[in-house]
Structures are given as structure tokens and as C-alpha cells.
Amino acid sequence: MSRKRLCCLDSKEYVEKGGLRCPYCNRSDIEGDLIVETDVGIAWQNMSCIDCNAEWRDEYTLTGYSTFGEDDE
């Protein structure tokens, strides 16, 4: 992962924007790896910015569950 200096968004601001902007340059041309890695109660995904080539990791936490299937009518 690159070690570019954060200039635009801290972690709280990044989350408030829904993770849809690069925390380094604040542009929206970002993409995530296809693989989301998981462990007990957490998950993470490597992200990158097409515009400034920065890389970072999005972190997810378990907040609950929902059901799906025949009983979900």
C-alpha cells in the first residue's frame, strides 16, 4: 500500500461521505479489489484511486443480519 500523505479526508469524513471519495485527493474515481477479506466480526477491502494512485483499506464491522429466501415475503 502506498504511504501518500492524507490531505483531504480523515477517517470520520471518509465514512460520512459513504466511502465514495479518495481520502487523499477527494476525487470520486476510486475502485476496490473484488475480494473482501473477513475475520470474526470484521471485513476489509483494499481500495485505490485512479486519479492519484493512492491505496488504502476500507474496514467493515458486523452490525447485524437479515434473512432472505422463501420466508421473506
N, C-alpha and C. Protein backbone atom coordinates (compact mmCIF):
# COMPACT_ATOMS: atom_id res chain seq x y z
N MET A 1 0.84 -1.18 0.00
CA MET A 1 0.00 0.00 0.00
C MET A 1 0.88 1.24 0.00
N SER A 2 0.43 2.26 -0.71
CA SER A 2 1.20 3.48 -0.75
C SER A 2 1.12 4.21 0.58
N ARG A 3 2.09 5.06 0.83
CA ARG A 3 2.13 5.83 2.07
C ARG A 3 1.98 7.32 1.75
N LYS A 4 1.09 7.65 0.81
CA LYS A 4 0.84 9.05 0.50
C LYS A 4 0.28 9.74 1.72
N ARG A 5 0.53 11.02 1.81
CA ARG A 5 0.05 11.80 2.94
C ARG A 5 -1.42 12.17 2.74
N LEU A 6 -2.21 11.94 3.78
CA LEU A 6 -3.62 12.33 3.73
C LEU A 6 -3.71 13.85 3.67
N CYS A 7 -4.51 14.36 2.76
CA CYS A 7 -4.64 15.80 2.67
C CYS A 7 -6.08 16.26 2.71
N CYS A 8 -6.98 15.38 2.50
CA CYS A 8 -8.36 15.84 2.30
C CYS A 8 -9.37 15.31 3.31
N LEU A 9 -9.39 14.04 3.55
CA LEU A 9 -10.42 13.45 4.40
C LEU A 9 -9.80 12.63 5.52
N ASP A 10 -10.23 12.87 6.75
CA ASP A 10 -9.84 11.96 7.82
C ASP A 10 -10.83 10.80 7.82
N SER A 11 -10.63 9.83 8.68
CA SER A 11 -11.45 8.62 8.67
C SER A 11 -12.94 8.93 8.88
N LYS A 12 -13.24 9.83 9.80
CA LYS A 12 -14.64 10.19 10.07
C LYS A 12 -15.29 10.83 8.85
N GLU A 13 -14.60 11.74 8.18
CA GLU A 13 -15.13 12.40 6.99
C GLU A 13 -15.32 11.39 5.86
N TYR A 14 -14.38 10.46 5.74
CA TYR A 14 -14.47 9.42 4.71
C TYR A 14 -15.75 8.60 4.90
N VAL A 15 -16.02 8.20 6.14
CA VAL A 15 -17.22 7.42 6.43
C VAL A 15 -18.47 8.26 6.18
N GLU A 16 -18.47 9.53 6.60
CA GLU A 16 -19.62 10.41 6.38
C GLU A 16 -19.95 10.56 4.90
N LYS A 17 -18.95 10.47 4.04
CA LYS A 17 -19.16 10.56 2.60
C LYS A 17 -19.46 9.20 1.99
N GLY A 18 -19.67 8.19 2.84
CA GLY A 18 -20.03 6.86 2.37
C GLY A 18 -18.90 6.09 1.75
N GLY A 19 -17.66 6.53 1.96
CA GLY A 19 -16.51 5.83 1.37
C GLY A 19 -16.45 5.99 -0.14
N LEU A 20 -17.07 7.03 -0.66
CA LEU A 20 -17.16 7.21 -2.11
C LEU A 20 -16.17 8.21 -2.68
N ARG A 21 -15.24 8.71 -1.84
CA ARG A 21 -14.25 9.67 -2.30
C ARG A 21 -12.88 9.25 -1.78
N CYS A 22 -11.86 9.53 -2.55
CA CYS A 22 -10.50 9.22 -2.15
C CYS A 22 -10.12 10.08 -0.94
N PRO A 23 -9.61 9.47 0.14
CA PRO A 23 -9.23 10.26 1.30
C PRO A 23 -7.97 11.09 1.07
N TYR A 24 -7.28 10.86 -0.02
CA TYR A 24 -6.05 11.59 -0.32
C TYR A 24 -6.28 12.81 -1.21
N CYS A 25 -7.12 12.65 -2.25
CA CYS A 25 -7.33 13.76 -3.19
C CYS A 25 -8.79 14.22 -3.26
N ASN A 26 -9.69 13.49 -2.58
CA ASN A 26 -11.11 13.82 -2.50
C ASN A 26 -11.83 13.68 -3.84
N ARG A 27 -11.27 12.92 -4.76
CA ARG A 27 -11.94 12.67 -6.05
C ARG A 27 -12.74 11.38 -5.94
N SER A 28 -13.65 11.18 -6.85
CA SER A 28 -14.57 10.04 -6.75
C SER A 28 -14.21 8.86 -7.63
N ASP A 29 -13.12 8.92 -8.36
CA ASP A 29 -12.74 7.82 -9.25
C ASP A 29 -11.93 6.78 -8.48
N ILE A 30 -12.64 6.02 -7.63
CA ILE A 30 -11.98 5.01 -6.81
C ILE A 30 -12.52 3.63 -7.14
N GLU A 31 -11.75 2.61 -6.80
CA GLU A 31 -12.19 1.24 -7.02
C GLU A 31 -11.66 0.35 -5.92
N GLY A 32 -12.38 -0.74 -5.68
CA GLY A 32 -11.98 -1.70 -4.67
C GLY A 32 -11.64 -3.04 -5.28
N ASP A 33 -10.77 -3.78 -4.60
CA ASP A 33 -10.47 -5.15 -5.03
C ASP A 33 -11.77 -5.95 -5.05
N LEU A 34 -11.82 -6.95 -5.88
CA LEU A 34 -13.01 -7.81 -5.95
C LEU A 34 -13.15 -8.67 -4.71
N ILE A 35 -12.06 -8.90 -4.02
CA ILE A 35 -12.07 -9.77 -2.84
C ILE A 35 -12.23 -8.93 -1.58
N VAL A 36 -13.21 -9.29 -0.77
CA VAL A 36 -13.37 -8.69 0.55
C VAL A 36 -12.94 -9.77 1.54
N GLU A 37 -11.91 -9.48 2.33
CA GLU A 37 -11.40 -10.45 3.29
C GLU A 37 -12.17 -10.31 4.59
N THR A 38 -12.32 -11.43 5.31
CA THR A 38 -13.11 -11.42 6.53
C THR A 38 -12.39 -12.13 7.67
N ASP A 39 -12.80 -11.77 8.88
CA ASP A 39 -12.40 -12.43 10.11
C ASP A 39 -13.60 -12.32 11.03
N VAL A 40 -13.51 -12.76 12.24
CA VAL A 40 -14.63 -12.76 13.16
C VAL A 40 -15.15 -11.34 13.38
N GLY A 41 -16.34 -11.05 12.86
CA GLY A 41 -16.99 -9.76 13.08
C GLY A 41 -16.47 -8.58 12.29
N ILE A 42 -15.46 -8.79 11.43
CA ILE A 42 -14.89 -7.69 10.66
C ILE A 42 -14.63 -8.14 9.22
N ALA A 43 -14.49 -7.18 8.34
CA ALA A 43 -14.11 -7.43 6.96
C ALA A 43 -13.32 -6.23 6.46
N TRP A 44 -12.53 -6.40 5.42
CA TRP A 44 -11.76 -5.30 4.87
C TRP A 44 -11.56 -5.52 3.38
N GLN A 45 -11.35 -4.41 2.69
CA GLN A 45 -11.20 -4.44 1.23
C GLN A 45 -10.15 -3.41 0.84
N ASN A 46 -9.20 -3.80 0.01
CA ASN A 46 -8.20 -2.86 -0.49
C ASN A 46 -8.84 -1.96 -1.53
N MET A 47 -8.56 -0.67 -1.42
CA MET A 47 -9.14 0.34 -2.30
C MET A 47 -8.01 1.11 -2.98
N SER A 48 -8.32 1.75 -4.10
CA SER A 48 -7.33 2.59 -4.77
C SER A 48 -8.02 3.71 -5.54
N CYS A 49 -7.26 4.76 -5.78
CA CYS A 49 -7.75 5.91 -6.51
C CYS A 49 -7.13 5.93 -7.90
N ILE A 50 -7.95 6.03 -8.91
CA ILE A 50 -7.46 6.07 -10.28
C ILE A 50 -6.75 7.40 -10.54
N ASP A 51 -7.21 8.48 -9.91
CA ASP A 51 -6.66 9.81 -10.18
C ASP A 51 -5.28 10.03 -9.58
N CYS A 52 -5.10 9.68 -8.29
CA CYS A 52 -3.81 9.99 -7.64
C CYS A 52 -3.00 8.74 -7.28
N ASN A 53 -3.49 7.56 -7.61
CA ASN A 53 -2.81 6.28 -7.37
C ASN A 53 -2.64 5.93 -5.90
N ALA A 54 -3.38 6.58 -5.01
CA ALA A 54 -3.31 6.24 -3.59
C ALA A 54 -3.97 4.89 -3.33
N GLU A 55 -3.55 4.24 -2.28
CA GLU A 55 -4.13 2.96 -1.87
C GLU A 55 -4.44 3.01 -0.38
N TRP A 56 -5.53 2.39 0.03
CA TRP A 56 -5.92 2.32 1.43
C TRP A 56 -6.83 1.11 1.61
N ARG A 57 -7.23 0.86 2.83
CA ARG A 57 -8.07 -0.29 3.13
C ARG A 57 -9.38 0.19 3.77
N ASP A 58 -10.50 -0.19 3.17
CA ASP A 58 -11.80 0.05 3.80
C ASP A 58 -12.02 -1.03 4.85
N GLU A 59 -12.57 -0.64 6.00
CA GLU A 59 -12.81 -1.57 7.09
C GLU A 59 -14.31 -1.63 7.39
N TYR A 60 -14.84 -2.82 7.57
CA TYR A 60 -16.26 -3.04 7.82
C TYR A 60 -16.42 -3.80 9.13
N THR A 61 -17.49 -3.50 9.86
CA THR A 61 -17.80 -4.23 11.08
C THR A 61 -19.20 -4.81 10.99
N LEU A 62 -19.40 -5.92 11.64
CA LEU A 62 -20.70 -6.58 11.66
C LEU A 62 -21.67 -5.76 12.49
N THR A 63 -22.82 -5.42 11.91
CA THR A 63 -23.82 -4.62 12.63
C THR A 63 -25.13 -5.37 12.84
N GLY A 64 -25.25 -6.56 12.29
CA GLY A 64 -26.47 -7.33 12.42
C GLY A 64 -26.58 -8.30 11.26
N TYR A 65 -27.78 -8.81 11.06
CA TYR A 65 -28.00 -9.71 9.93
C TYR A 65 -29.43 -9.54 9.44
N SER A 66 -29.68 -10.02 8.24
CA SER A 66 -31.03 -10.06 7.70
C SER A 66 -31.22 -11.41 7.04
N THR A 67 -32.44 -11.83 6.96
CA THR A 67 -32.75 -13.12 6.35
C THR A 67 -33.17 -12.91 4.91
N PHE A 68 -33.14 -13.98 4.14
CA PHE A 68 -33.61 -13.93 2.77
C PHE A 68 -34.12 -15.32 2.40
N GLY A 69 -34.91 -15.38 1.37
CA GLY A 69 -35.42 -16.66 0.93
C GLY A 69 -36.93 -16.69 0.98
N GLU A 70 -37.49 -17.90 1.06
CA GLU A 70 -38.93 -18.11 0.99
C GLU A 70 -39.69 -17.39 2.11
N ASP A 71 -39.13 -17.29 3.28
CA ASP A 71 -39.83 -16.70 4.43
C ASP A 71 -39.81 -15.17 4.42
N ASP A 72 -39.19 -14.55 3.44
CA ASP A 72 -39.03 -13.09 3.40
C ASP A 72 -40.11 -12.40 2.58
N GLU A 73 -41.32 -12.73 2.75
CA GLU A 73 -42.38 -12.10 1.96
C GLU A 73 -43.06 -11.02 2.68
